[in-house]
């Protein structure tokens, strides 16, 4: 498989990447975004492509030559770790991909370089614990996700055991007819039956 290096100058950045030298017979997934090259432009479309697929290293630079984003593509789909930066060179975001879907660790930083969120994706959906942080790098909130849906955990309340009155604590038992009655009631009934 032969690849060519290309450079594309966009309005807000310069992109250095690689394309396949010949078209591959690839069936596009409708739920994935493909990156491809045509007419001196890099295009992104959901569910298909019409040009040469980006395949290999991908680097985009701000006009001030700072890295904007960097990652790899496999047959037009994002793959492995991708990093995104602010224009001043500070890391903005880290996203892991597998076959065009978010999969793995996700990190988000603010423009001061502090971690603001950390989580995990599986099959393009949040999965597992998702942490948000305050400006002191302390965990502000923790949420849990399963296949993209937030899992609401019920809070366990401690039940206070109340002291029951002696009359309420009488044990029940079954009489000959199978009816439940209190011990004290059965003693009275026995004594009543004996007096007859």
N, C-alpha and C. Protein backbone atom coordinates (compact mmCIF):
# COMPACT_ATOMS: atom_id res chain seq x y z
N UNK A 1 0.85 -1.16 0.00
CA UNK A 1 0.00 0.00 0.00
C UNK A 1 0.90 1.23 0.00
N UNK A 2 0.77 2.02 -1.02
CA UNK A 2 1.61 3.19 -1.16
C UNK A 2 0.86 4.45 -0.74
N UNK A 3 1.58 5.35 -0.05
CA UNK A 3 0.99 6.59 0.44
C UNK A 3 1.79 7.77 -0.10
N UNK A 4 1.10 8.91 -0.19
CA UNK A 4 1.75 10.15 -0.58
C UNK A 4 1.58 11.17 0.54
N UNK A 5 2.62 11.94 0.80
CA UNK A 5 2.53 13.05 1.74
C UNK A 5 1.91 14.24 1.02
N UNK A 6 1.00 14.92 1.71
CA UNK A 6 0.40 16.13 1.13
C UNK A 6 0.40 17.25 2.17
N UNK A 7 0.35 18.47 1.68
CA UNK A 7 0.22 19.66 2.52
C UNK A 7 -0.95 20.46 1.98
N UNK A 8 -1.87 20.81 2.87
CA UNK A 8 -3.05 21.58 2.48
C UNK A 8 -3.09 22.84 3.33
N UNK A 9 -3.21 23.99 2.67
CA UNK A 9 -3.33 25.26 3.38
C UNK A 9 -4.80 25.65 3.47
N UNK A 10 -5.32 25.62 4.68
CA UNK A 10 -6.71 26.04 4.93
C UNK A 10 -6.69 27.47 5.44
N UNK A 11 -7.88 28.05 5.66
CA UNK A 11 -7.97 29.44 6.12
C UNK A 11 -7.32 29.66 7.48
N UNK A 12 -7.51 28.70 8.40
CA UNK A 12 -7.02 28.89 9.77
C UNK A 12 -5.86 27.97 10.16
N UNK A 13 -5.42 27.11 9.24
CA UNK A 13 -4.33 26.19 9.60
C UNK A 13 -3.69 25.59 8.35
N UNK A 14 -2.56 24.93 8.58
CA UNK A 14 -1.88 24.16 7.54
C UNK A 14 -1.90 22.70 7.97
N UNK A 15 -2.26 21.82 7.05
CA UNK A 15 -2.39 20.41 7.37
C UNK A 15 -1.33 19.61 6.61
N UNK A 16 -0.62 18.77 7.34
CA UNK A 16 0.35 17.85 6.75
C UNK A 16 -0.15 16.45 7.05
N UNK A 17 -0.38 15.67 5.99
CA UNK A 17 -0.94 14.34 6.20
C UNK A 17 -0.54 13.41 5.06
N UNK A 18 -1.14 12.25 5.03
CA UNK A 18 -0.85 11.26 4.01
C UNK A 18 -2.15 10.73 3.41
N UNK A 19 -2.11 10.41 2.12
CA UNK A 19 -3.26 9.82 1.46
C UNK A 19 -2.83 8.53 0.78
N UNK A 20 -3.80 7.69 0.52
CA UNK A 20 -3.54 6.46 -0.23
C UNK A 20 -3.28 6.82 -1.69
N UNK A 21 -2.36 6.14 -2.32
CA UNK A 21 -2.01 6.45 -3.71
C UNK A 21 -3.07 5.96 -4.69
N UNK A 22 -3.84 4.98 -4.29
CA UNK A 22 -4.90 4.48 -5.16
C UNK A 22 -6.16 4.24 -4.33
N UNK A 23 -7.28 4.19 -4.99
CA UNK A 23 -8.54 3.99 -4.28
C UNK A 23 -8.67 2.55 -3.81
N UNK A 24 -9.14 2.41 -2.61
CA UNK A 24 -9.38 1.09 -2.03
C UNK A 24 -10.88 0.80 -2.13
N UNK A 25 -11.20 -0.46 -2.24
CA UNK A 25 -12.61 -0.87 -2.27
C UNK A 25 -13.10 -0.98 -0.83
N UNK A 26 -13.60 0.13 -0.29
CA UNK A 26 -14.00 0.19 1.11
C UNK A 26 -15.48 0.54 1.18
N UNK A 27 -16.20 -0.23 1.97
CA UNK A 27 -17.61 0.07 2.22
C UNK A 27 -17.67 0.98 3.43
N UNK A 28 -18.29 2.14 3.28
CA UNK A 28 -18.35 3.13 4.36
C UNK A 28 -19.43 2.77 5.38
N UNK A 29 -19.11 3.00 6.65
CA UNK A 29 -20.09 2.84 7.72
C UNK A 29 -20.91 4.12 7.82
N UNK A 30 -22.21 4.00 7.93
CA UNK A 30 -23.08 5.18 7.98
C UNK A 30 -22.91 6.01 9.26
N UNK A 31 -22.44 5.40 10.33
CA UNK A 31 -22.33 6.08 11.62
C UNK A 31 -20.94 6.63 11.91
N UNK A 32 -20.08 6.74 10.89
CA UNK A 32 -18.71 7.20 11.11
C UNK A 32 -18.36 8.34 10.17
N UNK A 33 -17.46 9.20 10.65
CA UNK A 33 -17.01 10.34 9.86
C UNK A 33 -15.70 10.01 9.16
N UNK A 34 -15.69 10.19 7.86
CA UNK A 34 -14.50 9.90 7.04
C UNK A 34 -13.80 11.19 6.66
N UNK A 35 -12.47 11.14 6.66
CA UNK A 35 -11.66 12.28 6.21
C UNK A 35 -11.01 11.87 4.89
N UNK A 36 -11.16 12.73 3.89
CA UNK A 36 -10.66 12.41 2.57
C UNK A 36 -10.17 13.68 1.86
N UNK A 37 -9.45 13.48 0.78
CA UNK A 37 -8.79 14.58 0.07
C UNK A 37 -9.33 14.67 -1.35
N UNK A 38 -9.65 15.91 -1.74
CA UNK A 38 -10.10 16.16 -3.11
C UNK A 38 -9.96 17.66 -3.39
N UNK A 39 -9.49 18.01 -4.58
CA UNK A 39 -9.38 19.41 -5.04
C UNK A 39 -8.63 20.30 -4.05
N UNK A 40 -7.50 19.83 -3.57
CA UNK A 40 -6.65 20.58 -2.64
C UNK A 40 -7.34 20.89 -1.30
N UNK A 41 -8.33 20.08 -0.91
CA UNK A 41 -9.03 20.28 0.36
C UNK A 41 -9.17 18.95 1.09
N UNK A 42 -9.20 19.06 2.42
CA UNK A 42 -9.49 17.89 3.25
C UNK A 42 -10.95 18.02 3.65
N UNK A 43 -11.71 16.99 3.36
CA UNK A 43 -13.14 17.00 3.63
C UNK A 43 -13.46 15.99 4.73
N UNK A 44 -14.55 16.24 5.44
CA UNK A 44 -15.05 15.31 6.45
C UNK A 44 -16.53 15.09 6.19
N UNK A 45 -16.92 13.84 6.01
CA UNK A 45 -18.33 13.54 5.79
C UNK A 45 -18.72 12.29 6.58
N UNK A 46 -19.97 12.29 7.01
CA UNK A 46 -20.51 11.16 7.76
C UNK A 46 -21.05 10.13 6.76
N UNK A 47 -20.61 8.90 6.93
CA UNK A 47 -21.18 7.80 6.18
C UNK A 47 -20.65 7.59 4.77
N UNK A 48 -19.64 8.34 4.35
CA UNK A 48 -19.12 8.13 3.01
C UNK A 48 -17.98 9.07 2.67
N UNK A 49 -17.44 8.93 1.45
CA UNK A 49 -16.33 9.76 0.99
C UNK A 49 -16.35 9.77 -0.53
N UNK A 50 -15.72 10.77 -1.10
CA UNK A 50 -15.63 10.89 -2.56
C UNK A 50 -14.28 11.50 -2.90
N UNK A 51 -13.26 10.72 -2.83
CA UNK A 51 -11.90 11.18 -3.09
C UNK A 51 -10.93 10.18 -2.49
N UNK A 52 -9.71 10.62 -2.28
CA UNK A 52 -8.67 9.75 -1.72
C UNK A 52 -8.72 9.83 -0.19
N UNK A 53 -8.80 8.67 0.43
CA UNK A 53 -8.88 8.60 1.89
C UNK A 53 -7.57 9.02 2.53
N UNK A 54 -7.68 9.75 3.63
CA UNK A 54 -6.51 10.07 4.43
C UNK A 54 -6.12 8.78 5.15
N UNK A 55 -4.84 8.44 5.08
CA UNK A 55 -4.37 7.19 5.68
C UNK A 55 -2.94 7.41 6.16
N UNK A 56 -2.77 7.47 7.47
CA UNK A 56 -1.45 7.69 8.04
C UNK A 56 -1.46 8.84 9.03
N UNK A 57 -0.31 9.47 9.19
CA UNK A 57 -0.17 10.57 10.15
C UNK A 57 -0.95 11.79 9.68
N UNK A 58 -1.48 12.52 10.67
CA UNK A 58 -2.23 13.75 10.39
C UNK A 58 -1.77 14.81 11.39
N UNK A 59 -1.31 15.95 10.89
CA UNK A 59 -0.91 17.07 11.75
C UNK A 59 -1.45 18.36 11.17
N UNK A 60 -2.09 19.14 12.02
CA UNK A 60 -2.58 20.45 11.61
C UNK A 60 -1.88 21.49 12.48
N UNK A 61 -1.48 22.60 11.86
CA UNK A 61 -0.75 23.67 12.56
C UNK A 61 -1.53 24.98 12.45
N UNK A 62 -1.58 25.72 13.57
CA UNK A 62 -2.13 27.07 13.53
C UNK A 62 -1.26 27.93 12.62
N UNK A 63 -1.74 29.09 12.24
CA UNK A 63 -0.97 29.98 11.39
C UNK A 63 0.31 30.46 12.07
N UNK A 64 0.35 30.40 13.43
CA UNK A 64 1.56 30.78 14.16
C UNK A 64 2.53 29.60 14.30
N UNK A 65 2.28 28.51 13.59
CA UNK A 65 3.11 27.29 13.54
C UNK A 65 2.98 26.38 14.75
N UNK A 66 2.13 26.73 15.72
CA UNK A 66 1.87 25.83 16.85
C UNK A 66 0.99 24.67 16.37
N UNK A 67 1.20 23.50 16.97
CA UNK A 67 0.34 22.37 16.65
C UNK A 67 -1.11 22.66 17.04
N UNK A 68 -2.03 22.31 16.17
CA UNK A 68 -3.47 22.45 16.43
C UNK A 68 -4.07 21.09 16.78
N UNK A 69 -3.75 20.07 15.98
CA UNK A 69 -4.18 18.70 16.26
C UNK A 69 -3.23 17.71 15.61
N UNK A 70 -3.19 16.52 16.21
CA UNK A 70 -2.28 15.49 15.71
C UNK A 70 -2.85 14.12 16.02
N UNK A 71 -2.76 13.22 15.03
CA UNK A 71 -3.25 11.87 15.23
C UNK A 71 -2.97 11.00 14.03
N UNK A 72 -3.66 9.89 13.95
CA UNK A 72 -3.52 8.97 12.83
C UNK A 72 -4.89 8.63 12.28
N UNK A 73 -4.90 8.32 10.99
CA UNK A 73 -6.12 7.86 10.34
C UNK A 73 -5.84 6.53 9.66
N UNK A 74 -6.85 5.69 9.68
CA UNK A 74 -6.75 4.40 9.03
C UNK A 74 -7.93 4.30 8.07
N UNK A 75 -7.63 4.34 6.77
CA UNK A 75 -8.67 4.33 5.73
C UNK A 75 -9.74 5.41 5.99
N UNK A 76 -9.28 6.61 6.30
CA UNK A 76 -10.17 7.74 6.47
C UNK A 76 -10.80 7.89 7.83
N UNK A 77 -10.59 6.95 8.72
CA UNK A 77 -11.19 6.97 10.05
C UNK A 77 -10.12 7.26 11.10
N UNK A 78 -10.47 8.11 12.08
CA UNK A 78 -9.54 8.41 13.16
C UNK A 78 -9.23 7.14 13.93
N UNK A 79 -7.96 7.02 14.33
CA UNK A 79 -7.51 5.82 15.00
C UNK A 79 -6.44 6.18 16.04
N UNK A 80 -6.44 5.49 17.15
CA UNK A 80 -5.48 5.67 18.24
C UNK A 80 -5.63 7.05 18.90
N UNK A 81 -4.55 7.54 19.50
CA UNK A 81 -4.62 8.78 20.29
C UNK A 81 -4.55 10.03 19.40
N UNK A 82 -5.48 10.95 19.64
CA UNK A 82 -5.48 12.26 18.98
C UNK A 82 -5.34 13.32 20.05
N UNK A 83 -4.50 14.33 19.76
CA UNK A 83 -4.30 15.44 20.68
C UNK A 83 -4.68 16.74 19.98
N UNK A 84 -5.26 17.65 20.77
CA UNK A 84 -5.69 18.97 20.28
C UNK A 84 -5.11 20.03 21.20
N UNK A 85 -4.66 21.16 20.61
CA UNK A 85 -4.01 22.22 21.38
C UNK A 85 -4.72 23.55 21.19
N UNK A 86 -4.52 24.42 22.18
CA UNK A 86 -4.90 25.82 22.04
C UNK A 86 -3.86 26.51 21.17
N UNK A 87 -4.16 27.69 20.65
CA UNK A 87 -3.25 28.42 19.75
C UNK A 87 -1.94 28.79 20.43
N UNK A 88 -1.94 28.88 21.79
CA UNK A 88 -0.70 29.22 22.50
C UNK A 88 0.16 27.99 22.80
N UNK A 89 -0.26 26.81 22.35
CA UNK A 89 0.53 25.60 22.52
C UNK A 89 0.16 24.74 23.71
N UNK A 90 -0.80 25.19 24.52
CA UNK A 90 -1.22 24.38 25.67
C UNK A 90 -2.18 23.29 25.19
N UNK A 91 -2.03 22.11 25.79
CA UNK A 91 -2.86 20.97 25.44
C UNK A 91 -4.32 21.26 25.81
N UNK A 92 -5.22 20.98 24.88
CA UNK A 92 -6.65 21.24 25.09
C UNK A 92 -7.43 19.94 25.35
N UNK A 93 -7.12 18.89 24.58
CA UNK A 93 -7.94 17.68 24.65
C UNK A 93 -7.15 16.47 24.15
N UNK A 94 -7.44 15.31 24.72
CA UNK A 94 -6.87 14.04 24.27
C UNK A 94 -8.03 13.08 24.10
N UNK A 95 -8.17 12.54 22.89
CA UNK A 95 -9.25 11.59 22.60
C UNK A 95 -8.64 10.36 21.95
N UNK A 96 -9.04 9.19 22.41
CA UNK A 96 -8.60 7.94 21.80
C UNK A 96 -9.70 7.42 20.89
N UNK A 97 -9.28 6.88 19.75
CA UNK A 97 -10.20 6.41 18.72
C UNK A 97 -9.87 4.98 18.33
N UNK A 98 -10.89 4.27 17.88
CA UNK A 98 -10.71 2.94 17.31
C UNK A 98 -11.70 2.78 16.17
N UNK A 99 -11.17 2.66 14.96
CA UNK A 99 -12.01 2.46 13.77
C UNK A 99 -13.06 3.56 13.62
N UNK A 100 -12.67 4.81 13.89
CA UNK A 100 -13.57 5.94 13.70
C UNK A 100 -14.53 6.22 14.82
N UNK A 101 -14.40 5.50 15.94
CA UNK A 101 -15.26 5.73 17.10
C UNK A 101 -14.39 6.02 18.31
N UNK A 102 -14.87 6.92 19.17
CA UNK A 102 -14.14 7.22 20.40
C UNK A 102 -14.10 5.96 21.25
N UNK A 103 -12.89 5.64 21.71
CA UNK A 103 -12.71 4.41 22.47
C UNK A 103 -11.47 4.53 23.34
N UNK A 104 -11.68 4.63 24.64
CA UNK A 104 -10.55 4.74 25.55
C UNK A 104 -10.59 6.03 26.35
N UNK A 105 -9.45 6.39 26.86
CA UNK A 105 -9.33 7.54 27.77
C UNK A 105 -9.61 8.86 27.05
N UNK A 106 -10.32 9.73 27.76
CA UNK A 106 -10.63 11.08 27.28
C UNK A 106 -10.17 12.08 28.34
N UNK A 107 -9.45 13.13 27.92
CA UNK A 107 -8.98 14.18 28.83
C UNK A 107 -9.31 15.54 28.24
N UNK A 108 -9.75 16.47 29.09
CA UNK A 108 -10.05 17.84 28.66
C UNK A 108 -9.36 18.81 29.60
N UNK A 109 -8.66 19.80 29.01
CA UNK A 109 -7.91 20.80 29.78
C UNK A 109 -8.46 22.18 29.50
N UNK A 110 -8.35 23.08 30.48
CA UNK A 110 -8.74 24.47 30.22
C UNK A 110 -7.56 25.23 29.61
N UNK A 111 -7.77 26.50 29.28
CA UNK A 111 -6.73 27.27 28.60
C UNK A 111 -5.55 27.62 29.50
N UNK A 112 -5.64 27.29 30.79
CA UNK A 112 -4.50 27.45 31.70
C UNK A 112 -3.71 26.15 31.84
N UNK A 113 -4.13 25.11 31.14
CA UNK A 113 -3.43 23.84 31.19
C UNK A 113 -3.86 22.91 32.31
N UNK A 114 -4.92 23.27 33.03
CA UNK A 114 -5.40 22.43 34.13
C UNK A 114 -6.42 21.42 33.63
N UNK A 115 -6.33 20.21 34.15
CA UNK A 115 -7.28 19.16 33.80
C UNK A 115 -8.67 19.55 34.28
N UNK A 116 -9.65 19.51 33.37
CA UNK A 116 -11.02 19.87 33.71
C UNK A 116 -11.96 18.66 33.72
N UNK A 117 -11.64 17.64 32.90
CA UNK A 117 -12.50 16.45 32.84
C UNK A 117 -11.67 15.25 32.42
N UNK A 118 -12.09 14.08 32.94
CA UNK A 118 -11.43 12.83 32.59
C UNK A 118 -12.49 11.74 32.58
N UNK A 119 -12.45 10.94 31.52
CA UNK A 119 -13.43 9.86 31.43
C UNK A 119 -12.97 8.79 30.46
N UNK A 120 -13.91 7.98 30.06
CA UNK A 120 -13.60 6.87 29.17
C UNK A 120 -14.75 6.70 28.18
N UNK A 121 -14.38 6.40 26.93
CA UNK A 121 -15.37 6.12 25.90
C UNK A 121 -15.27 4.66 25.51
N UNK A 122 -16.41 4.10 25.14
CA UNK A 122 -16.46 2.77 24.55
C UNK A 122 -17.51 2.80 23.45
N UNK A 123 -17.09 2.44 22.26
CA UNK A 123 -18.00 2.42 21.11
C UNK A 123 -18.67 3.78 20.89
N UNK A 124 -17.88 4.86 21.02
CA UNK A 124 -18.32 6.24 20.77
C UNK A 124 -19.26 6.80 21.85
N UNK A 125 -19.36 6.11 22.99
CA UNK A 125 -20.24 6.57 24.07
C UNK A 125 -19.48 6.60 25.38
N UNK A 126 -19.82 7.56 26.23
CA UNK A 126 -19.20 7.60 27.57
C UNK A 126 -19.52 6.30 28.28
N UNK A 127 -18.50 5.76 28.96
CA UNK A 127 -18.69 4.50 29.66
C UNK A 127 -17.74 4.46 30.87
N UNK A 128 -18.30 4.29 32.03
CA UNK A 128 -17.50 4.26 33.25
C UNK A 128 -17.60 5.58 34.00
N UNK A 129 -16.65 5.80 34.89
CA UNK A 129 -16.67 7.04 35.69
C UNK A 129 -16.19 8.22 34.87
N UNK A 130 -16.85 9.37 35.06
CA UNK A 130 -16.48 10.62 34.41
C UNK A 130 -16.28 11.66 35.50
N UNK A 131 -15.06 12.20 35.57
CA UNK A 131 -14.70 13.14 36.62
C UNK A 131 -14.59 14.55 36.05
N UNK A 132 -15.10 15.53 36.79
CA UNK A 132 -14.83 16.93 36.46
C UNK A 132 -14.05 17.53 37.62
N UNK A 133 -13.16 18.47 37.30
CA UNK A 133 -12.24 19.02 38.29
C UNK A 133 -12.43 20.53 38.41
N UNK A 134 -12.12 21.06 39.59
CA UNK A 134 -12.15 22.50 39.79
C UNK A 134 -10.76 23.08 39.48
N UNK A 135 -10.61 24.38 39.67
CA UNK A 135 -9.34 25.05 39.35
C UNK A 135 -8.20 24.69 40.29
N UNK A 136 -8.51 24.01 41.40
CA UNK A 136 -7.47 23.54 42.32
C UNK A 136 -7.10 22.08 42.03
N UNK A 137 -7.59 21.57 40.90
CA UNK A 137 -7.35 20.19 40.46
C UNK A 137 -7.94 19.16 41.42
N UNK A 138 -8.98 19.56 42.14
CA UNK A 138 -9.72 18.64 43.02
C UNK A 138 -10.95 18.16 42.26
N UNK A 139 -11.34 16.92 42.51
CA UNK A 139 -12.54 16.39 41.84
C UNK A 139 -13.75 17.17 42.33
N UNK A 140 -14.46 17.77 41.38
CA UNK A 140 -15.66 18.54 41.70
C UNK A 140 -16.90 17.65 41.65
N UNK A 141 -16.93 16.76 40.65
CA UNK A 141 -18.11 15.91 40.48
C UNK A 141 -17.69 14.59 39.82
N UNK A 142 -18.35 13.53 40.22
CA UNK A 142 -18.13 12.23 39.61
C UNK A 142 -19.47 11.70 39.13
N UNK A 143 -19.51 11.31 37.87
CA UNK A 143 -20.71 10.68 37.31
C UNK A 143 -20.31 9.34 36.76
N UNK A 144 -21.28 8.48 36.63
CA UNK A 144 -21.03 7.15 36.08
C UNK A 144 -21.92 6.95 34.86
N UNK A 145 -21.32 6.41 33.80
CA UNK A 145 -22.05 6.19 32.55
C UNK A 145 -21.96 4.72 32.14
N UNK A 146 -23.01 4.27 31.49
CA UNK A 146 -23.02 2.94 30.91
C UNK A 146 -23.58 3.07 29.50
N UNK A 147 -22.73 2.78 28.51
CA UNK A 147 -23.11 2.88 27.10
C UNK A 147 -23.75 4.22 26.75
N UNK A 148 -23.20 5.30 27.28
CA UNK A 148 -23.65 6.65 26.95
C UNK A 148 -24.75 7.22 27.83
N UNK A 149 -25.35 6.41 28.67
CA UNK A 149 -26.41 6.88 29.56
C UNK A 149 -25.87 7.01 30.98
N UNK A 150 -26.25 8.11 31.61
CA UNK A 150 -25.81 8.32 32.99
C UNK A 150 -26.50 7.33 33.91
N UNK A 151 -25.72 6.73 34.78
CA UNK A 151 -26.25 5.79 35.77
C UNK A 151 -26.49 6.58 37.04
N UNK A 152 -27.74 6.65 37.44
CA UNK A 152 -28.09 7.36 38.67
C UNK A 152 -28.03 6.37 39.81
N UNK A 153 -27.16 6.64 40.76
CA UNK A 153 -27.03 5.74 41.90
C UNK A 153 -27.96 6.20 43.01
N UNK A 154 -28.71 5.25 43.52
CA UNK A 154 -29.63 5.56 44.62
C UNK A 154 -28.83 5.71 45.90
N UNK A 155 -29.17 6.72 46.63
CA UNK A 155 -28.49 6.93 47.91
C UNK A 155 -29.10 6.01 48.95
N UNK A 156 -28.25 5.30 49.64
CA UNK A 156 -28.71 4.41 50.68
C UNK A 156 -28.93 5.21 51.95
N UNK A 157 -30.15 5.12 52.46
CA UNK A 157 -30.47 5.82 53.70
C UNK A 157 -30.40 4.82 54.85
N UNK A 158 -29.80 5.25 55.92
CA UNK A 158 -29.72 4.39 57.10
C UNK A 158 -31.06 4.45 57.82
N UNK A 159 -31.62 3.28 58.02
CA UNK A 159 -32.89 3.22 58.74
C UNK A 159 -32.60 3.14 60.23
N UNK A 160 -33.27 4.01 60.96
CA UNK A 160 -33.11 4.00 62.40
C UNK A 160 -34.03 2.94 62.98
N UNK A 161 -33.48 2.11 63.81
CA UNK A 161 -34.33 1.11 64.44
C UNK A 161 -35.05 1.76 65.60
N UNK A 162 -36.34 1.69 65.51
CA UNK A 162 -37.11 2.29 66.60
C UNK A 162 -37.38 1.21 67.65
N UNK A 163 -37.41 1.63 68.85
CA UNK A 163 -37.69 0.69 69.93
C UNK A 163 -39.20 0.49 69.98
N UNK A 164 -39.59 -0.76 69.84
CA UNK A 164 -41.02 -1.07 69.85
C UNK A 164 -41.49 -1.29 71.28
N UNK A 165 -42.74 -1.02 71.48
CA UNK A 165 -43.33 -1.25 72.80
C UNK A 165 -43.43 -2.76 73.04
N UNK A 166 -43.44 -3.19 74.27
CA UNK A 166 -43.52 -4.63 74.55
C UNK A 166 -44.73 -5.28 73.89
N UNK A 167 -45.86 -4.58 73.81
CA UNK A 167 -47.06 -5.15 73.21
C UNK A 167 -46.86 -5.37 71.71
N UNK A 168 -46.09 -4.48 71.03
CA UNK A 168 -45.89 -4.60 69.59
C UNK A 168 -44.89 -5.68 69.25
N UNK A 169 -44.06 -6.07 70.22
CA UNK A 169 -43.04 -7.06 69.97
C UNK A 169 -43.51 -8.49 70.21
N UNK A 170 -44.78 -8.70 70.53
CA UNK A 170 -45.28 -10.05 70.79
C UNK A 170 -45.12 -10.89 69.54
N UNK A 171 -44.61 -12.07 69.74
CA UNK A 171 -44.41 -12.96 68.61
C UNK A 171 -45.72 -13.63 68.25
N UNK A 172 -45.87 -13.84 66.93
CA UNK A 172 -47.09 -14.50 66.48
C UNK A 172 -46.80 -15.98 66.26
N UNK A 173 -47.80 -16.75 66.42
CA UNK A 173 -47.68 -18.16 66.11
C UNK A 173 -49.00 -18.62 65.53
N UNK A 174 -49.01 -19.79 64.97
CA UNK A 174 -50.23 -20.30 64.35
C UNK A 174 -50.94 -21.23 65.32
N UNK A 175 -52.27 -21.07 65.35
CA UNK A 175 -53.04 -22.00 66.18
C UNK A 175 -53.41 -23.21 65.34
N UNK A 176 -54.23 -24.09 65.87
CA UNK A 176 -54.60 -25.31 65.17
C UNK A 176 -55.29 -25.03 63.85
N UNK A 177 -56.03 -23.97 63.72
CA UNK A 177 -56.75 -23.63 62.49
C UNK A 177 -55.84 -22.92 61.48
N UNK A 178 -54.58 -22.67 61.80
CA UNK A 178 -53.65 -22.01 60.89
C UNK A 178 -53.71 -20.50 60.97
N UNK A 179 -54.48 -19.96 61.94
CA UNK A 179 -54.55 -18.51 62.09
C UNK A 179 -53.43 -18.02 62.98
N UNK A 180 -52.85 -16.87 62.59
CA UNK A 180 -51.78 -16.30 63.40
C UNK A 180 -52.38 -15.57 64.57
N UNK A 181 -51.79 -15.73 65.71
CA UNK A 181 -52.25 -14.99 66.87
C UNK A 181 -51.07 -14.73 67.80
N UNK A 182 -51.22 -13.78 68.66
CA UNK A 182 -50.17 -13.44 69.62
C UNK A 182 -50.11 -14.50 70.70
N UNK A 183 -48.93 -14.67 71.32
CA UNK A 183 -48.77 -15.65 72.39
C UNK A 183 -49.70 -15.33 73.55
N UNK A 184 -49.81 -14.07 73.86
CA UNK A 184 -50.65 -13.70 75.00
C UNK A 184 -52.11 -14.02 74.72
N UNK A 185 -52.55 -13.85 73.46
CA UNK A 185 -53.93 -14.17 73.09
C UNK A 185 -54.18 -15.67 73.22
N UNK A 186 -53.19 -16.50 72.79
CA UNK A 186 -53.39 -17.94 72.83
C UNK A 186 -53.45 -18.44 74.28
N UNK A 187 -52.70 -17.83 75.20
CA UNK A 187 -52.75 -18.23 76.61
C UNK A 187 -54.12 -17.95 77.19
N UNK A 188 -54.67 -16.76 76.81
CA UNK A 188 -56.00 -16.42 77.32
C UNK A 188 -57.03 -17.38 76.77
N UNK A 189 -56.86 -17.77 75.48
CA UNK A 189 -57.82 -18.67 74.84
C UNK A 189 -57.72 -20.05 75.47
N UNK A 190 -56.51 -20.52 75.78
CA UNK A 190 -56.33 -21.83 76.39
C UNK A 190 -56.99 -21.85 77.76
N UNK A 191 -56.76 -20.80 78.54
CA UNK A 191 -57.35 -20.75 79.87
C UNK A 191 -58.87 -20.65 79.79
N UNK A 192 -59.37 -19.99 78.74
CA UNK A 192 -60.81 -19.88 78.57
C UNK A 192 -61.39 -21.24 78.19
N UNK A 193 -60.65 -22.01 77.33
CA UNK A 193 -61.12 -23.31 76.92
C UNK A 193 -61.10 -24.30 78.08
N UNK A 194 -60.11 -24.20 78.97
CA UNK A 194 -60.00 -25.09 80.12
C UNK A 194 -61.12 -24.86 81.12
N UNK A 195 -61.61 -23.62 81.19
CA UNK A 195 -62.66 -23.32 82.14
C UNK A 195 -64.02 -23.80 81.66
N UNK A 196 -64.14 -24.15 80.40
CA UNK A 196 -65.43 -24.59 79.86
C UNK A 196 -65.71 -26.00 80.19
